[in-house]
Every structure is written in C-alpha cells, then in structure tokens.
Amino acid sequence: MDFGGLAVFAEAKDTYVCIPLLAKSAQPPRIEITRVQTLDPTLVETQMRQTDCTVPHDRFSREAWSLASDAEVAVFARLSALGKPLGSIVKGGMYRGILSGLKEAFSITTEQREAIVARAKASAELIHPCRGGEDVRDYFIRPRDEWIIVLPCGFTRAALEASGTLSERKAWEWLSDKHPGIATHLVPFERALRARQDQGEFWWEFRPCDYYHVLDGPKIVFPDICKRPRFCYDDTGIYVTNTAYFLGTGDKYLLALLNSRVFWFCIRHISIPFGIRAGEYRYRMFYQYVETVPIRICDHSKPDEKALHDQIIACADRMLAAKQSEAAATGHLKDNWTRQIATLDRQINALVYELYGLTEEEIALVEKTGAAE
C-alpha cells in the first residue's frame, strides 16, 4: 500500500515511513500495489482493498523500490534509452543557491540599496537582485523588492593583499572606508554574523564559493521543491538563495524540455513525493534526482531533427515573452495572454512527444501520470 506523500502520522509529516510486513511463506510471483489517495476515514479503507497494478519482485532492489506499473516502467525505459542524463549534458554544471548564513543581514530593499550606493558608487557591484525558490515559476521569475549584499570569502584580503599581515581591525577599517554604506548596514548584525557557521575569513564575508560568475551569466533556475515543472531562463544577473538551484547554461531548448510533461513523468519515477500542498504532491529537485533525467539530443546533421530543435527554441522564446506580458496585463488582456500560454504549452509538449517518438498510447500514459496530480 503506497500512501505517497500523505501524512499518515501527524507527528512525522516530512519523514518517509516504511512498514514492511514479513512472512516466512511462499510469495506470489507479482506484488499487488494499492495507491491510497486520501486519508478520509470514510474512503481510505475502500481504497486500501483495491489493486491498482502488480509488479514483479525484482522491482524491489537494494538500490530502490519501484511501484510503477509495467506500462509506466516501459515508457520510462524507452525515454531513458533515447536520451542522455542531464548531468552529463551540463557536465556537472548544476549549482545550489548561495548561502549567506544569515539572510536578514544581507537582504535589503531597493530603497536601502540606493542609500548604500549613494555613499559609495563602487558598492553597487556588490549588490545583486535576489530571489528564492518560491519566486521561480515556469518561464517566469516573480518580481520582488529584494537585493542581496554579496561579500565573497577572500574579498577583503584580495583588496589589501599588498599590505602584508592583515588584521581584522585593519580589514574592517578598509571596508568602512571603501564601502561605508555596507559597513553601516552590517554593524547591527555583527554578533549574529560572528556566530554563524557559513562565513568567510572575516565575519562580514560569505562562505567560500567559486561559481559567482555562473550566477552573473545566462542560466536556468528552478526551486528545490515543486509540484509541477518550474524552470526559468535568466540573463539579468539574479542571485538565487539556497531554496533554489540553477544550471550553468542558457540553453532554451533544454529549458523547454525541462518544463514539459515528459520531464515531469520522468522526475516522478526518479524523485520522491514530499508532502501535499493544495491537493498536489510536491517533488524534490535535488541534484541526485534531476541529473539523471534523460534529455534527447538532436542530431543537427538531420534536417528534420534540426527543424524540431529550432521549433522548440522558438516556442520557448515566445513562452518567455508571453509570461512577461501576462504578468504585466490586467482584465481581458491578461485572460488573452493566459490562453496563449496554454496553447504554447500544448505546442511545446506536442513537439517534445515528437522528439522522443512517443506513440499515442505512450502519450496518453505520460499525460495521465506525467502531469501534476
């Protein structure tokens, strides 16, 4: 009996509970699987007596247990055979949002940023637009009046390396002189900043990080947990926090595939449900799951595949623009953009189905189990 992400035990909502019943007796060749969709006392017992599918014993291995039907497993195996793992395509270029150790100290508003920059224009280079995973939607990042002060580990020493031995007092004097607005802002947080684990050489610096340059360039960002695909392209230098991840690529072909129902079908076979929100299962988008999703690579020497690749990118570009227009519109204009977005979404999914060569039966299965519940 699979309860998915339902919180059967009220005190263990975010804990994955498994209760195996062991019997020293002959077992049938296939195991009956029941998917329980509700904890409603009037319905749960009826659901528990039903059988949704059966699976062979070899689906329960040391590495993982699979409760998917034979048809779902066959489609997933076919998709995997046609694609390459995402991790190999981006060559490990998947990163976690930055960790400051004390977000409230470094997070500021536009008004605060302007006041800081007014005292020293050079400080503008250390302040970046900031978003969390909750702000990242499919093809769109919600606007937010939030910026983050980023003082990398080694930043202060690098600026004063010619001075020889560098004391904290001397380093702070330099920061206060060159970036007085930032220094003034951080003073009230000094005690808490000294106590945090994530910090650099000095209490005002971030922990070591070697991928700031990736944040500054084109990238694909997504949240750490979601209930449907939420990948967005960004080339505006937005810095994401630790509730989001990002890929060090601005490939819009990849963006479209990651927002498709094929991707969601695959991630549901790889990741694990993490509770229910608004009636839908959420799934973890951690690296060990997302890196294994199979991505079909087009052979550009074949005209039909190149044409398909270009059509997918064109649709992704139109979707990005449509999402921006929808967010800015009101009334009937907003409704028009919403309908256009739904049409584009269907077009992208149809192109992805064609890309993977899925049959009508396989598409129906992906539509059924690859969409959000």
Protein backbone atom coordinates (compact mmCIF):
# COMPACT_ATOMS: atom_id res chain seq x y z
CA MET A 1 0.00 0.00 0.00
CA ASP A 2 1.52 3.25 -1.19
CA PHE A 3 0.39 6.38 0.66
CA GLY A 4 2.64 8.60 -1.44
CA GLY A 5 3.17 11.92 0.33
CA LEU A 6 0.14 11.64 2.62
CA ALA A 7 0.95 12.43 6.23
CA VAL A 8 -0.30 9.19 7.79
CA PHE A 9 1.48 10.04 11.04
CA ALA A 10 0.68 13.59 12.17
CA GLU A 11 3.99 13.99 14.00
CA ALA A 12 6.08 12.78 11.06
CA LYS A 13 4.84 14.81 8.12
CA ASP A 14 8.26 15.15 6.48
CA THR A 15 9.51 11.68 7.36
CA TYR A 16 9.39 8.78 4.90
CA VAL A 17 7.84 5.92 6.83
CA CYS A 18 8.04 2.34 5.63
CA ILE A 19 6.39 -0.53 7.50
CA PRO A 20 7.29 -3.90 5.92
CA LEU A 21 5.28 -6.99 6.87
CA LEU A 22 7.45 -10.09 6.67
CA ALA A 23 6.09 -13.62 6.33
CA LYS A 24 8.09 -16.85 6.19
CA SER A 25 5.97 -18.38 3.48
CA ALA A 26 5.77 -18.74 -0.28
CA GLN A 27 5.13 -15.48 -2.07
CA PRO A 28 3.24 -14.88 -5.33
CA PRO A 29 5.31 -14.01 -8.43
CA ARG A 30 3.94 -10.48 -8.53
CA ILE A 31 3.18 -7.98 -5.79
CA GLU A 32 -0.15 -6.17 -5.67
CA ILE A 33 0.16 -2.38 -5.44
CA THR A 34 -2.53 -0.14 -3.99
CA ARG A 35 -2.20 3.64 -4.28
CA VAL A 36 -4.04 5.34 -1.45
CA GLN A 37 -5.05 8.87 -2.44
CA THR A 38 -6.82 10.05 0.71
CA LEU A 39 -6.83 9.71 4.50
CA ASP A 40 -10.56 10.39 4.67
CA PRO A 41 -11.82 7.77 7.18
CA THR A 42 -14.88 7.11 5.04
CA LEU A 43 -12.81 6.35 1.91
CA VAL A 44 -9.37 5.11 2.93
CA GLU A 45 -10.34 1.52 3.79
CA THR A 46 -12.10 1.08 0.46
CA GLN A 47 -9.02 2.32 -1.40
CA MET A 48 -6.76 0.03 0.62
CA ARG A 49 -8.72 -3.01 -0.56
CA GLN A 50 -8.27 -2.12 -4.24
CA THR A 51 -5.40 -3.21 -6.51
CA ASP A 52 -4.10 -0.58 -8.94
CA CYS A 53 -1.41 -2.75 -10.54
CA THR A 54 1.02 -5.59 -9.88
CA VAL A 55 4.82 -5.55 -10.12
CA PRO A 56 7.48 -8.29 -10.17
CA HIS A 57 9.69 -8.90 -7.15
CA ASP A 58 12.82 -7.62 -8.90
CA ARG A 59 11.44 -4.06 -8.69
CA PHE A 60 12.36 -4.14 -5.01
CA SER A 61 16.15 -3.98 -5.07
CA ARG A 62 18.79 -2.76 -2.64
CA GLU A 63 19.06 0.49 -4.64
CA ALA A 64 15.39 1.40 -4.88
CA TRP A 65 11.80 0.22 -4.86
CA SER A 66 9.60 0.94 -7.87
CA LEU A 67 5.83 0.82 -7.51
CA ALA A 68 5.16 1.92 -11.11
CA SER A 69 3.06 -0.22 -13.43
CA ASP A 70 4.66 -2.29 -16.19
CA ALA A 71 3.39 0.22 -18.78
CA GLU A 72 4.92 3.18 -16.92
CA VAL A 73 8.23 1.37 -16.47
CA ALA A 74 8.32 0.52 -20.17
CA VAL A 75 7.77 4.14 -21.20
CA PHE A 76 10.37 5.39 -18.73
CA ALA A 77 12.88 2.81 -20.03
CA ARG A 78 12.20 3.95 -23.59
CA LEU A 79 12.70 7.62 -22.69
CA SER A 80 15.92 6.75 -20.88
CA ALA A 81 17.24 4.83 -23.88
CA LEU A 82 16.56 7.79 -26.18
CA GLY A 83 18.22 10.43 -24.03
CA LYS A 84 21.35 11.27 -22.11
CA PRO A 85 21.36 12.06 -18.38
CA LEU A 86 21.03 15.80 -17.79
CA GLY A 87 24.11 15.73 -15.56
CA SER A 88 26.31 14.58 -18.43
CA ILE A 89 24.89 17.25 -20.75
CA VAL A 90 25.58 20.16 -18.39
CA LYS A 91 28.86 18.49 -17.34
CA GLY A 92 28.14 18.82 -13.65
CA GLY A 93 27.13 22.46 -14.05
CA MET A 94 24.26 22.33 -11.58
CA TYR A 95 24.57 24.58 -8.55
CA ARG A 96 22.80 25.35 -5.33
CA GLY A 97 21.69 28.88 -4.50
CA ILE A 98 24.13 30.87 -2.38
CA LEU A 99 24.31 30.52 1.39
CA SER A 100 24.85 33.61 3.50
CA GLY A 101 24.34 32.04 6.91
CA LEU A 102 22.16 34.99 7.96
CA LYS A 103 19.90 36.18 5.15
CA GLU A 104 18.32 39.00 7.16
CA ALA A 105 21.72 40.69 7.47
CA PHE A 106 22.46 40.76 3.74
CA SER A 107 18.97 41.07 2.26
CA ILE A 108 17.95 44.68 1.52
CA THR A 109 15.28 46.66 -0.32
CA THR A 110 15.71 48.94 -3.31
CA GLU A 111 15.50 51.94 -1.02
CA GLN A 112 18.30 50.59 1.18
CA ARG A 113 20.40 49.78 -1.88
CA GLU A 114 20.06 53.32 -3.21
CA ALA A 115 21.11 54.74 0.16
CA ILE A 116 24.18 52.47 0.25
CA VAL A 117 25.23 53.26 -3.32
CA ALA A 118 24.75 56.98 -2.67
CA ARG A 119 27.58 56.77 -0.14
CA ALA A 120 29.90 54.80 -2.45
CA LYS A 121 29.13 54.00 -6.10
CA ALA A 122 31.56 51.05 -6.02
CA SER A 123 29.21 49.29 -3.58
CA ALA A 124 26.73 48.74 -6.44
CA GLU A 125 28.96 45.94 -7.77
CA LEU A 126 28.48 44.04 -4.51
CA ILE A 127 24.67 44.20 -4.50
CA HIS A 128 22.59 41.89 -6.71
CA PRO A 129 18.89 41.25 -7.34
CA CYS A 130 17.85 38.24 -5.27
CA ARG A 131 15.11 35.58 -5.49
CA GLY A 132 14.21 32.40 -3.65
CA GLY A 133 12.81 29.14 -4.95
CA GLU A 134 9.26 30.29 -4.21
CA ASP A 135 9.71 33.11 -6.76
CA VAL A 136 10.69 30.81 -9.63
CA ARG A 137 7.81 29.68 -11.84
CA ASP A 138 7.78 28.03 -15.26
CA TYR A 139 9.32 30.52 -17.72
CA PHE A 140 8.89 33.38 -15.23
CA ILE A 141 10.53 34.75 -12.08
CA ARG A 142 8.26 36.76 -9.86
CA PRO A 143 9.33 40.37 -9.25
CA ARG A 144 10.38 41.16 -5.70
CA ASP A 145 11.86 44.19 -4.00
CA GLU A 146 14.85 42.28 -2.70
CA TRP A 147 18.58 42.63 -3.19
CA ILE A 148 21.46 40.81 -1.56
CA ILE A 149 24.83 42.18 -0.45
CA VAL A 150 27.48 39.68 -1.51
CA LEU A 151 30.94 39.94 0.05
CA PRO A 152 32.79 36.82 -1.16
CA CYS A 153 35.26 34.95 1.00
CA GLY A 154 38.68 36.50 0.43
CA PHE A 155 37.20 39.71 -0.98
CA THR A 156 38.71 41.92 1.73
CA ARG A 157 42.13 40.27 1.71
CA ALA A 158 42.33 40.41 -2.09
CA ALA A 159 41.79 44.16 -1.95
CA LEU A 160 44.56 44.57 0.63
CA GLU A 161 46.95 41.75 -0.26
CA ALA A 162 49.81 44.17 -0.77
CA SER A 163 49.58 45.26 2.87
CA GLY A 164 51.14 42.10 4.27
CA THR A 165 49.67 40.77 7.51
CA LEU A 166 46.00 41.67 7.62
CA SER A 167 44.30 42.13 10.97
CA GLU A 168 40.54 42.16 11.34
CA ARG A 169 40.67 45.75 12.60
CA LYS A 170 42.58 46.91 9.53
CA ALA A 171 40.29 44.93 7.21
CA TRP A 172 37.20 46.49 8.79
CA GLU A 173 38.69 49.97 8.52
CA TRP A 174 39.22 49.39 4.81
CA LEU A 175 35.63 48.12 4.32
CA SER A 176 34.23 51.07 6.28
CA ASP A 177 36.26 53.49 4.14
CA LYS A 178 35.56 51.97 0.71
CA HIS A 179 32.00 50.74 1.34
CA PRO A 180 30.67 52.83 4.23
CA GLY A 181 27.01 52.14 3.47
CA ILE A 182 27.53 48.38 3.57
CA ALA A 183 29.59 48.56 6.74
CA THR A 184 27.00 50.72 8.49
CA HIS A 185 24.24 48.33 7.44
CA LEU A 186 26.08 45.26 8.78
CA VAL A 187 27.13 46.66 12.18
CA PRO A 188 23.82 45.82 13.95
CA PHE A 189 24.18 42.18 12.81
CA GLU A 190 27.82 41.75 13.88
CA ARG A 191 27.18 39.47 16.85
CA ALA A 192 24.88 37.15 14.87
CA LEU A 193 27.23 37.16 11.88
CA ARG A 194 30.16 36.14 14.06
CA ALA A 195 28.11 33.25 15.47
CA ARG A 196 27.02 31.78 12.10
CA GLN A 197 28.68 28.72 10.59
CA ASP A 198 28.56 29.87 6.97
CA GLN A 199 31.12 32.65 6.80
CA GLY A 200 34.39 33.57 5.15
CA GLU A 201 37.70 34.79 6.53
CA PHE A 202 36.01 37.73 8.26
CA TRP A 203 32.59 37.90 9.89
CA TRP A 204 31.15 40.08 7.12
CA GLU A 205 32.15 37.71 4.31
CA PHE A 206 30.26 34.80 2.72
CA ARG A 207 31.45 31.20 2.85
CA PRO A 208 33.81 30.12 0.01
CA CYS A 209 32.04 29.85 -3.35
CA ASP A 210 33.62 29.52 -6.78
CA TYR A 211 30.60 29.96 -9.03
CA TYR A 212 29.56 33.58 -8.66
CA HIS A 213 30.46 34.07 -12.32
CA VAL A 214 27.82 31.48 -13.26
CA LEU A 215 25.16 33.46 -11.41
CA ASP A 216 26.15 36.55 -13.37
CA GLY A 217 25.67 34.82 -16.75
CA PRO A 218 22.77 33.13 -18.59
CA LYS A 219 21.34 30.28 -16.52
CA ILE A 220 18.27 28.12 -15.90
CA VAL A 221 16.90 28.40 -12.36
CA PHE A 222 14.42 26.17 -10.53
CA PRO A 223 13.14 25.61 -6.96
CA ASP A 224 14.34 22.84 -4.66
CA ILE A 225 10.79 21.50 -4.21
CA CYS A 226 7.81 21.87 -6.56
CA LYS A 227 4.57 20.20 -7.61
CA ARG A 228 4.99 20.87 -11.36
CA PRO A 229 7.92 21.89 -13.61
CA ARG A 230 9.15 25.38 -12.69
CA PHE A 231 12.25 26.16 -14.74
CA CYS A 232 13.06 29.68 -15.93
CA TYR A 233 15.74 31.33 -18.04
CA ASP A 234 17.60 34.30 -16.58
CA ASP A 235 20.30 36.51 -18.04
CA THR A 236 19.79 39.54 -15.78
CA GLY A 237 22.24 38.51 -13.04
CA ILE A 238 19.65 37.43 -10.48
CA TYR A 239 21.23 35.67 -7.49
CA VAL A 240 19.20 32.78 -6.10
CA THR A 241 19.26 31.65 -2.48
CA ASN A 242 19.56 28.15 -1.07
CA THR A 243 15.89 27.30 -1.77
CA ALA A 244 16.70 27.21 -5.47
CA TYR A 245 19.13 25.55 -7.86
CA PHE A 246 20.43 26.62 -11.25
CA LEU A 247 22.08 25.17 -14.33
CA GLY A 248 25.06 26.99 -15.78
CA THR A 249 23.53 27.16 -19.24
CA GLY A 250 21.07 29.39 -21.03
CA ASP A 251 20.01 26.67 -23.50
CA LYS A 252 16.33 27.37 -24.24
CA TYR A 253 15.91 24.00 -25.93
CA LEU A 254 16.81 22.45 -22.60
CA LEU A 255 14.52 24.93 -20.82
CA ALA A 256 11.52 23.75 -22.86
CA LEU A 257 12.25 20.07 -22.25
CA LEU A 258 12.58 20.63 -18.51
CA ASN A 259 9.18 22.35 -18.41
CA SER A 260 7.48 19.57 -20.39
CA ARG A 261 5.23 16.77 -19.22
CA VAL A 262 7.85 14.27 -20.34
CA PHE A 263 10.25 15.72 -17.79
CA TRP A 264 7.63 15.58 -15.04
CA PHE A 265 6.80 11.98 -15.94
CA CYS A 266 10.49 11.14 -15.59
CA ILE A 267 11.13 13.05 -12.37
CA ARG A 268 8.19 11.28 -10.72
CA HIS A 269 9.94 7.99 -11.47
CA ILE A 270 13.21 9.26 -10.04
CA SER A 271 12.43 11.61 -7.17
CA ILE A 272 10.17 11.06 -4.17
CA PRO A 273 6.99 12.87 -3.13
CA PHE A 274 7.44 15.38 -0.35
CA GLY A 275 4.07 16.04 1.24
CA ILE A 276 0.99 17.52 -0.35
CA ARG A 277 0.27 21.19 -0.91
CA ALA A 278 -3.06 22.41 -2.32
CA GLY A 279 -4.00 18.82 -3.10
CA GLU A 280 -0.90 18.03 -5.17
CA TYR A 281 2.27 16.08 -4.42
CA ARG A 282 5.50 18.05 -4.32
CA TYR A 283 8.78 16.52 -5.50
CA ARG A 284 12.35 17.25 -4.51
CA MET A 285 14.50 18.69 -7.30
CA PHE A 286 17.82 17.77 -5.70
CA TYR A 287 20.85 17.20 -7.90
CA GLN A 288 20.89 13.41 -7.47
CA TYR A 289 17.40 13.25 -9.00
CA VAL A 290 17.46 15.93 -11.70
CA GLU A 291 20.87 14.90 -13.05
CA THR A 292 19.51 11.51 -14.14
CA VAL A 293 16.55 12.78 -16.20
CA PRO A 294 17.06 11.64 -19.84
CA ILE A 295 17.38 14.51 -22.32
CA ARG A 296 17.04 13.81 -26.04
CA ILE A 297 19.84 15.42 -28.04
CA CYS A 298 19.02 16.44 -31.61
CA ASP A 299 21.32 15.46 -34.45
CA HIS A 300 21.73 18.73 -36.37
CA SER A 301 23.06 16.87 -39.39
CA LYS A 302 19.50 15.57 -39.86
CA PRO A 303 17.24 18.33 -41.24
CA ASP A 304 14.08 17.08 -39.52
CA GLU A 305 15.75 16.94 -36.10
CA LYS A 306 17.34 20.37 -36.52
CA ALA A 307 13.97 21.79 -37.55
CA LEU A 308 12.35 20.27 -34.47
CA HIS A 309 15.11 21.68 -32.27
CA ASP A 310 14.62 25.16 -33.72
CA GLN A 311 10.83 24.98 -33.32
CA ILE A 312 11.19 24.09 -29.63
CA ILE A 313 13.53 27.05 -29.04
CA ALA A 314 11.16 29.40 -30.88
CA CYS A 315 8.27 28.23 -28.70
CA ALA A 316 10.36 28.69 -25.55
CA ASP A 317 11.18 32.27 -26.60
CA ARG A 318 7.51 33.01 -27.22
CA MET A 319 6.58 31.47 -23.89
CA LEU A 320 9.11 33.62 -22.01
CA ALA A 321 7.71 36.74 -23.65
CA ALA A 322 4.11 35.67 -23.10
CA LYS A 323 4.70 35.06 -19.38
CA GLN A 324 6.13 38.56 -19.01
CA SER A 325 3.16 40.06 -20.86
CA GLU A 326 0.66 38.08 -18.79
CA ALA A 327 2.24 39.31 -15.56
CA ALA A 328 2.01 42.95 -16.71
CA ALA A 329 -1.52 42.73 -18.14
CA THR A 330 -4.90 43.11 -16.44
CA GLY A 331 -8.51 42.26 -17.20
CA HIS A 332 -9.34 40.68 -20.56
CA LEU A 333 -5.79 41.26 -21.85
CA LYS A 334 -4.47 39.05 -19.06
CA ASP A 335 -7.04 36.39 -19.96
CA ASN A 336 -5.88 36.53 -23.59
CA TRP A 337 -2.27 36.00 -22.59
CA THR A 338 -3.27 33.13 -20.31
CA ARG A 339 -4.99 31.39 -23.22
CA GLN A 340 -1.96 31.96 -25.45
CA ILE A 341 0.28 30.46 -22.77
CA ALA A 342 -1.93 27.37 -22.56
CA THR A 343 -1.71 27.00 -26.36
CA LEU A 344 2.07 27.37 -26.31
CA ASP A 345 2.31 24.81 -23.54
CA ARG A 346 0.38 22.28 -25.62
CA GLN A 347 2.56 23.03 -28.64
CA ILE A 348 5.76 22.52 -26.68
CA ASN A 349 4.54 19.23 -25.22
CA ALA A 350 3.49 18.04 -28.70
CA LEU A 351 6.96 18.87 -30.06
CA VAL A 352 8.62 17.04 -27.17
CA TYR A 353 6.43 13.98 -27.75
CA GLU A 354 7.50 14.05 -31.40
CA LEU A 355 11.12 14.50 -30.34
CA TYR A 356 11.01 11.29 -28.30
CA GLY A 357 8.89 9.49 -30.90
CA LEU A 358 6.13 8.56 -28.46
CA THR A 359 3.08 6.65 -29.65
CA GLU A 360 -0.48 7.75 -28.89
CA GLU A 361 -0.70 5.14 -26.13
CA GLU A 362 2.58 6.32 -24.59
CA ILE A 363 1.50 9.95 -24.80
CA ALA A 364 -1.76 9.09 -23.02
CA LEU A 365 0.20 7.47 -20.22
CA VAL A 366 2.54 10.44 -19.90
CA GLU A 367 -0.46 12.80 -19.92
CA LYS A 368 -2.05 10.77 -17.15
CA THR A 369 0.94 10.25 -14.89
CA GLY A 370 3.29 12.99 -16.10
CA ALA A 371 1.01 15.86 -15.22
CA ALA A 372 0.68 17.28 -11.74
CA GLU A 373 -1.93 15.38 -9.71
